[in-house]
Protein backbone atom coordinates (compact mmCIF):
# COMPACT_ATOMS: atom_id res chain seq x y z
CA MET A 1 3.30 -53.83 -82.90
CA LYS A 2 1.99 -52.42 -85.81
CA SER A 3 4.21 -50.70 -88.82
CA LEU A 4 3.26 -47.08 -89.08
CA SER A 5 2.33 -46.40 -92.83
CA LEU A 6 5.45 -45.17 -94.32
CA PRO A 7 7.65 -45.59 -97.31
CA ALA A 8 10.37 -48.31 -96.89
CA TYR A 9 13.26 -46.43 -95.81
CA ALA A 10 11.26 -44.67 -92.82
CA GLN A 11 10.26 -48.47 -91.49
CA LEU A 12 12.38 -49.54 -88.52
CA SER A 13 15.01 -52.62 -89.35
CA ASP A 14 14.31 -56.00 -88.11
CA ALA A 15 17.21 -55.69 -85.49
CA ASP A 16 15.00 -52.19 -84.21
CA GLU A 17 11.66 -54.08 -84.32
CA ALA A 18 13.16 -57.17 -82.22
CA ALA A 19 14.67 -54.23 -79.10
CA LEU A 20 11.21 -53.10 -79.48
CA THR A 21 9.94 -56.45 -78.98
CA ASP A 22 12.86 -57.10 -75.70
CA LEU A 23 11.82 -53.49 -74.53
CA TYR A 24 8.14 -54.29 -74.90
CA ARG A 25 8.70 -57.55 -72.53
CA ARG A 26 10.52 -55.96 -70.22
CA GLY A 27 7.65 -53.81 -68.74
CA THR A 28 8.33 -50.58 -70.99
CA PRO A 29 5.00 -49.00 -70.72
CA ALA A 30 3.25 -49.74 -74.33
CA ASN A 31 2.84 -45.43 -74.58
CA THR A 32 6.67 -45.25 -74.57
CA LEU A 33 7.68 -47.77 -76.94
CA ARG A 34 4.94 -45.90 -79.23
CA ALA A 35 6.37 -42.87 -79.21
CA TRP A 36 10.64 -44.59 -79.89
CA GLU A 37 8.60 -45.97 -82.66
CA ARG A 38 7.52 -42.43 -84.12
CA ASP A 39 10.52 -40.80 -83.11
CA LEU A 40 13.46 -44.01 -84.33
CA ALA A 41 11.02 -43.41 -87.80
CA TYR A 42 11.62 -39.90 -88.39
CA ILE A 43 15.29 -40.04 -87.73
CA ALA A 44 15.69 -42.95 -89.89
CA ALA A 45 13.52 -40.98 -92.74
CA TRP A 46 15.54 -37.69 -91.78
CA LYS A 47 18.98 -39.51 -92.46
CA MET A 48 18.26 -41.50 -95.38
CA ALA A 49 16.97 -38.01 -97.23
CA ALA A 50 20.08 -35.93 -95.81
CA PHE A 51 22.46 -38.97 -96.48
CA GLY A 52 20.78 -41.70 -98.51
CA ARG A 53 21.73 -44.02 -96.40
CA PRO A 54 20.23 -45.90 -93.24
CA LEU A 55 20.72 -45.21 -89.71
CA THR A 56 24.06 -47.26 -88.22
CA TRP A 57 25.05 -48.58 -85.24
CA PRO A 58 26.49 -46.22 -83.59
CA GLU A 59 25.65 -43.39 -85.58
CA ASP A 60 28.65 -40.68 -86.87
CA GLU A 61 29.09 -38.09 -84.75
CA LYS A 62 28.79 -35.51 -88.13
CA VAL A 63 25.26 -37.35 -88.71
CA ALA A 64 24.25 -36.27 -85.16
CA LEU A 65 24.99 -32.61 -85.70
CA ARG A 66 23.75 -32.46 -88.94
CA PHE A 67 20.70 -33.29 -87.32
CA ILE A 68 20.11 -30.82 -84.44
CA LEU A 69 21.63 -27.94 -86.79
CA ASP A 70 18.91 -28.81 -89.69
CA HIS A 71 16.35 -29.00 -86.90
CA ALA A 72 17.69 -25.32 -84.87
CA GLN A 73 16.27 -23.10 -87.38
CA ASP A 74 13.00 -21.98 -88.95
CA LEU A 75 13.68 -23.13 -93.03
CA THR A 76 10.70 -21.65 -94.30
CA GLU A 77 13.11 -18.62 -95.82
CA LYS A 78 15.93 -20.67 -96.28
CA PRO A 79 16.32 -23.08 -99.53
CA GLY A 80 18.81 -25.29 -99.36
CA ALA A 81 19.85 -28.83 -98.25
CA ALA A 82 17.84 -28.60 -94.95
CA GLN A 83 14.96 -27.19 -96.56
CA ASP A 84 14.88 -30.26 -99.18
CA VAL A 85 14.88 -32.61 -96.31
CA ALA A 86 12.17 -31.00 -94.04
CA MET A 87 9.92 -30.70 -97.11
CA GLU A 88 10.09 -34.67 -97.98
CA LEU A 89 9.88 -35.51 -94.16
CA ILE A 90 6.58 -33.16 -95.08
CA ALA A 91 5.42 -35.11 -98.17
CA ILE A 92 5.68 -38.89 -96.28
CA GLY A 93 3.60 -37.03 -93.06
CA LEU A 94 6.60 -37.23 -91.21
CA ARG A 95 6.86 -33.88 -90.48
CA ARG A 96 4.08 -30.87 -90.26
CA GLU A 97 5.70 -27.82 -91.19
CA LEU A 98 9.04 -25.34 -92.30
CA SER A 99 9.47 -23.70 -89.15
CA CYS A 100 11.92 -24.92 -85.99
CA PRO A 101 11.18 -27.95 -84.13
CA ALA A 102 10.16 -26.91 -80.38
CA PRO A 103 13.01 -27.81 -78.60
CA ALA A 104 11.63 -30.22 -76.25
CA THR A 105 10.72 -32.18 -79.45
CA LEU A 106 13.97 -32.75 -80.75
CA ASP A 107 15.37 -33.33 -76.97
CA ARG A 108 12.86 -36.01 -77.03
CA ARG A 109 13.77 -37.25 -80.63
CA ILE A 110 17.94 -37.33 -79.50
CA ALA A 111 16.70 -39.28 -76.38
CA SER A 112 14.99 -42.12 -78.21
CA TRP A 113 18.14 -42.15 -80.15
CA GLN A 114 20.33 -42.47 -77.26
CA ALA A 115 18.29 -45.22 -76.30
CA PHE A 116 18.63 -47.00 -78.70
CA HIS A 117 22.17 -47.13 -78.41
CA ARG A 118 22.25 -47.87 -75.03
CA MET A 119 20.52 -50.59 -75.85
CA ARG A 120 23.40 -51.78 -77.97
CA ASN A 121 25.81 -51.30 -75.22
CA LEU A 122 27.12 -48.36 -77.62
CA ALA A 123 28.43 -44.84 -77.17
CA SER A 124 25.91 -41.73 -78.11
CA PRO A 125 27.39 -40.06 -80.66
CA PHE A 126 25.49 -37.21 -79.14
CA SER A 127 27.84 -37.78 -76.18
CA ALA A 128 30.88 -35.74 -77.76
CA PRO A 129 31.39 -32.57 -76.97
CA LEU A 130 31.32 -31.15 -79.95
CA VAL A 131 27.48 -32.40 -80.55
CA GLN A 132 26.80 -31.28 -76.95
CA GLN A 133 27.62 -27.68 -77.28
CA ALA A 134 26.22 -27.32 -80.26
CA ARG A 135 22.85 -29.35 -78.48
CA GLN A 136 23.23 -26.78 -75.92
CA LYS A 137 23.19 -23.61 -77.96
CA ALA A 138 20.44 -24.48 -79.61
CA ARG A 139 17.96 -25.43 -76.86
CA ARG A 140 19.13 -21.72 -76.04
CA ALA A 141 18.18 -19.64 -79.19
CA ASN A 142 15.05 -21.72 -79.66
CA ALA A 143 13.78 -21.46 -76.01
CA ARG A 144 10.01 -21.10 -75.92
CA PRO A 145 7.70 -19.72 -72.93
CA HIS A 146 6.84 -22.53 -71.48
CA THR A 147 3.18 -23.36 -71.64
CA PRO A 148 1.47 -25.97 -69.89
CA LYS A 149 -0.34 -29.37 -70.62
CA SER A 150 -3.77 -28.34 -69.16
CA PRO A 151 -4.59 -24.23 -70.08
CA LYS A 152 -6.31 -24.58 -66.54
CA PRO A 153 -5.59 -26.96 -63.47
CA VAL A 154 -8.84 -28.52 -62.72
CA THR A 155 -8.67 -27.61 -58.69
CA ARG A 156 -11.21 -28.37 -56.11
CA ASP A 157 -14.28 -25.52 -57.10
CA ILE A 158 -13.51 -26.37 -60.62
CA LEU A 159 -13.66 -30.18 -60.01
CA GLU A 160 -17.00 -29.68 -57.80
CA THR A 161 -18.56 -27.61 -60.83
CA LEU A 162 -18.41 -30.97 -62.90
CA LEU A 163 -19.25 -33.44 -60.27
CA ALA A 164 -22.35 -31.69 -60.61
CA THR A 165 -23.31 -32.14 -63.70
CA CYS A 166 -23.25 -35.95 -63.16
CA ASP A 167 -26.54 -37.65 -62.63
CA ASP A 168 -27.87 -40.42 -61.43
CA SER A 169 -27.64 -42.33 -64.81
CA HIS A 170 -25.01 -44.65 -65.41
CA ARG A 171 -22.56 -42.86 -67.39
CA GLY A 172 -23.17 -40.15 -64.19
CA ILE A 173 -22.07 -42.31 -61.98
CA ARG A 174 -19.32 -43.28 -63.77
CA ASP A 175 -17.83 -39.99 -64.72
CA ARG A 176 -18.31 -38.93 -61.44
CA ALA A 177 -16.41 -41.98 -60.17
CA MET A 178 -13.48 -41.89 -62.98
CA LEU A 179 -13.35 -38.22 -61.91
CA MET A 180 -12.65 -38.32 -58.41
CA LEU A 181 -10.23 -40.89 -58.58
CA ALA A 182 -8.22 -39.19 -61.02
CA PHE A 183 -8.15 -36.51 -58.88
CA ALA A 184 -7.73 -38.31 -55.42
CA THR A 185 -5.42 -40.64 -56.22
CA GLY A 186 -2.88 -37.76 -56.74
CA GLY A 187 -3.95 -36.87 -60.34
CA ARG A 188 -3.95 -39.53 -62.18
CA ARG A 189 -2.88 -40.09 -65.88
CA ARG A 190 -5.86 -40.79 -67.89
CA SER A 191 -4.05 -44.05 -68.84
CA GLU A 192 -3.21 -45.12 -65.65
CA VAL A 193 -7.30 -44.84 -65.29
CA THR A 194 -8.68 -46.01 -67.95
CA ALA A 195 -6.18 -49.55 -67.60
CA LEU A 196 -7.54 -50.39 -64.53
CA ASN A 197 -9.43 -53.46 -63.98
CA VAL A 198 -11.82 -54.27 -61.06
CA GLU A 199 -9.63 -56.35 -59.38
CA ASP A 200 -7.27 -53.47 -58.77
CA VAL A 201 -9.13 -52.18 -56.39
CA GLY A 202 -8.82 -52.80 -52.52
CA ARG A 203 -12.11 -52.90 -50.81
CA ASP A 204 -11.34 -54.72 -47.40
CA ASP A 205 -11.24 -51.50 -45.50
CA PHE A 206 -14.30 -49.95 -47.10
CA LYS A 207 -17.14 -51.15 -44.67
CA ALA A 208 -14.88 -50.09 -41.26
CA LYS A 209 -12.81 -46.80 -42.45
CA GLY A 210 -14.57 -45.29 -45.86
CA LEU A 211 -10.89 -46.14 -47.56
CA VAL A 212 -10.32 -48.11 -50.45
CA TRP A 213 -7.03 -49.01 -52.25
CA ILE A 214 -6.11 -48.74 -55.57
CA ARG A 215 -3.00 -50.47 -57.20
CA LEU A 216 -1.79 -48.99 -60.28
CA VAL A 217 -0.06 -51.84 -62.34
CA GLU A 218 1.86 -49.97 -64.56
CA THR A 219 2.94 -45.82 -64.69
CA LYS A 220 5.29 -43.26 -66.47
CA THR A 221 6.89 -43.25 -63.45
CA THR A 222 6.76 -46.80 -61.91
CA LYS A 223 6.93 -50.49 -63.33
CA LYS A 224 4.69 -53.66 -63.12
CA ASP A 225 6.97 -55.13 -60.07
CA GLN A 226 6.79 -51.72 -58.31
CA ALA A 227 2.70 -51.46 -58.35
CA PRO A 228 2.47 -48.68 -56.04
CA ARG A 229 -0.79 -48.83 -53.59
CA LEU A 230 -2.65 -45.57 -53.53
CA PRO A 231 -5.61 -44.60 -50.56
CA MET A 232 -9.10 -43.23 -51.89
CA LYS A 233 -11.65 -41.71 -48.99
CA GLY A 234 -14.56 -40.56 -47.93
CA ARG A 235 -16.39 -38.92 -51.12
CA ALA A 236 -14.20 -40.50 -53.49
CA ALA A 237 -14.03 -44.03 -52.24
CA ARG A 238 -18.07 -43.69 -51.42
CA ALA A 239 -18.29 -42.73 -55.89
CA LEU A 240 -15.97 -45.65 -57.02
CA VAL A 241 -18.07 -48.44 -54.73
CA HIS A 242 -21.29 -46.66 -55.90
CA TRP A 243 -20.04 -47.81 -59.97
CA LEU A 244 -18.99 -51.16 -59.09
CA GLU A 245 -22.55 -51.66 -56.66
CA VAL A 246 -25.19 -50.07 -58.72
CA THR A 247 -23.26 -51.94 -62.76
CA GLY A 248 -22.59 -55.07 -61.03
CA ILE A 249 -19.12 -55.03 -62.40
CA ALA A 250 -17.08 -57.99 -60.91
CA GLN A 251 -13.85 -58.24 -62.68
CA GLY A 252 -12.31 -56.98 -65.83
CA PRO A 253 -12.00 -52.61 -67.26
CA LEU A 254 -13.30 -51.01 -64.32
CA PHE A 255 -14.33 -48.07 -66.34
CA ARG A 256 -16.31 -49.15 -69.44
CA PRO A 257 -18.29 -47.33 -72.14
CA VAL A 258 -22.27 -46.68 -71.84
CA SER A 259 -24.40 -47.76 -74.54
CA ARG A 260 -27.19 -44.80 -75.27
CA SER A 261 -29.60 -47.14 -73.75
CA ASP A 262 -27.35 -46.70 -70.39
CA ARG A 263 -25.71 -50.25 -70.24
CA PRO A 264 -22.82 -50.53 -69.08
CA LEU A 265 -20.69 -52.24 -72.23
CA PRO A 266 -18.05 -55.55 -71.43
CA ARG A 267 -14.92 -53.76 -73.03
CA ARG A 268 -12.84 -51.15 -71.82
CA LEU A 269 -13.02 -47.68 -72.11
CA ALA A 270 -10.08 -46.72 -74.63
CA PRO A 271 -7.07 -44.61 -73.28
CA ASP A 272 -8.06 -40.98 -74.56
CA ALA A 273 -11.70 -41.15 -73.41
CA LEU A 274 -11.13 -39.07 -70.21
CA ARG A 275 -10.20 -36.45 -72.72
CA SER A 276 -14.04 -36.53 -74.36
CA ILE A 277 -15.56 -37.02 -70.36
CA LEU A 278 -13.68 -34.35 -69.86
CA ARG A 279 -15.31 -31.91 -72.32
CA HIS A 280 -18.72 -33.02 -72.16
CA ARG A 281 -18.81 -31.87 -68.44
CA LEU A 282 -17.23 -28.73 -69.15
CA ALA A 283 -19.81 -28.22 -71.55
CA LEU A 284 -22.70 -29.64 -69.49
CA ALA A 285 -21.11 -26.91 -66.10
CA GLY A 286 -21.09 -24.24 -69.22
CA LEU A 287 -17.55 -23.99 -69.30
CA PRO A 288 -15.55 -24.01 -72.98
CA GLU A 289 -14.57 -27.81 -73.88
CA ASP A 290 -10.89 -26.16 -74.20
CA PHE A 291 -11.13 -25.03 -70.50
CA ALA A 292 -8.81 -27.42 -69.23
CA SER A 293 -6.95 -30.86 -70.48
CA PRO A 294 -7.35 -34.26 -68.98
CA HIS A 295 -3.65 -33.48 -67.23
CA GLY A 296 -5.52 -30.33 -65.44
CA LEU A 297 -6.54 -32.84 -62.57
CA ARG A 298 -3.28 -33.94 -62.60
CA ALA A 299 -1.96 -29.87 -62.34
CA GLY A 300 -5.50 -29.44 -60.18
CA PHE A 301 -4.02 -32.14 -57.29
CA LEU A 302 -1.13 -30.48 -56.78
CA THR A 303 -2.23 -26.95 -56.88
CA GLN A 304 -5.16 -27.55 -54.79
CA ALA A 305 -2.32 -29.76 -52.39
CA ALA A 306 -0.34 -26.42 -52.37
CA LEU A 307 -3.53 -23.92 -51.97
CA ASP A 308 -4.24 -25.77 -48.43
CA GLY A 309 -0.83 -26.49 -47.72
CA ALA A 310 -0.04 -29.60 -47.77
CA PRO A 311 3.67 -30.15 -47.56
CA LEU A 312 5.31 -31.19 -51.05
CA ALA A 313 6.63 -34.55 -49.72
CA ALA A 314 3.06 -35.80 -48.50
CA ALA A 315 1.02 -34.97 -52.25
CA MET A 316 4.64 -36.35 -54.69
CA LYS A 317 3.92 -40.31 -52.89
CA LEU A 318 0.30 -39.41 -54.18
CA SER A 319 1.49 -37.92 -57.39
CA LEU A 320 4.05 -40.40 -57.93
CA HIS A 321 6.63 -37.40 -59.22
CA ARG A 322 10.03 -38.99 -59.01
CA SER A 323 10.97 -35.15 -59.07
CA ALA A 324 10.65 -32.96 -56.51
CA VAL A 325 12.09 -29.97 -58.97
CA GLN A 326 8.84 -31.43 -61.05
CA ALA A 327 6.47 -31.50 -58.64
CA GLN A 328 7.11 -27.83 -57.27
CA LYS A 329 6.15 -25.89 -60.36
CA TYR A 330 2.48 -26.50 -59.43
CA TYR A 331 3.02 -25.02 -55.74
CA ALA A 332 5.10 -22.61 -57.71
CA ASP A 333 2.26 -21.46 -59.78
CA VAL A 334 -0.24 -20.81 -57.31
CA GLU A 335 -0.85 -17.25 -56.78
CA ILE A 336 1.23 -15.77 -53.93
CA SER A 337 -1.53 -13.72 -51.63
CA GLU A 338 -3.13 -17.23 -51.46
CA ASN A 339 -0.48 -18.95 -50.50
CA PRO A 340 -1.03 -20.03 -46.85
CA ALA A 341 2.62 -18.86 -45.91
CA THR A 342 1.26 -15.79 -46.07
CA ASP A 343 -1.00 -16.41 -42.71
CA LEU A 344 2.06 -17.16 -40.45
CA LEU A 345 1.29 -14.20 -37.98
CA GLY A 346 -2.59 -13.87 -39.20
CA ASP A 347 -4.93 -11.04 -38.88
């Protein structure tokens, strides 16, 4: 795993690196590993700046409490030890500003810290009653309005507008297949789409039923030994098969860069390529490039399912949400006047 370009005290110890490597071998998603590495680097640098000591395992409750208190206030107009520490973190590029971090950011860093305690079978200092109480009060004090990951959900009508910009070039055929696959298989995350290989596409049922099966080797909520298979039908299935037929790609990465001469290249698209493709298609459709993000395809799938009256449980089988509460948020966001339940008695 590559080390971050940080001062020595902000680097993970050999033991931490070994633990991360062990987690990787056991199938932890790469994105999670990178997030944990960044969070632990931040925490290590913060403790050194605040206490002049490296992380210890298990960590002291006083350190955990100080971490919460330092990150539960706006330090812009508050000179003192906490502000000095924050300034040092800003100087080395681990913190952006003196304003209070979002509660979700604090929660994520604490979760990473706790994960490393669990890996060592050690009790976390954040389980102490006083620390838990401080964390709850900090969360309430700094609560912010929920902001969606995508400004707008990419519902069916918006998706159709984007698809209309895809011509019959290799780039257009690829973009059409990617967008339709991402939407039709439950709103796939951008990293899941670009990680697909040709071998993950099952076409045995395509000629008879117009159906292909997409095998997701690894997702945010499933591991390699679970590898769910998701169905893709109709236009979406035909768009994907068309991409494979016109390019002749038989193995390796499913979606690939296309050269300026409109030739598919052998390498895999970058994990964030779907973001660039979506922005390009939004611009061609006459919409602002920041109209929606790739998560808008995921939000759009669930929103459209709600608009069409699909049961939440059925939508979750494709979206692979583990939490009904989380998936329900998209259903709750549907305009009440458009909710199918308002037409139960007809006109």
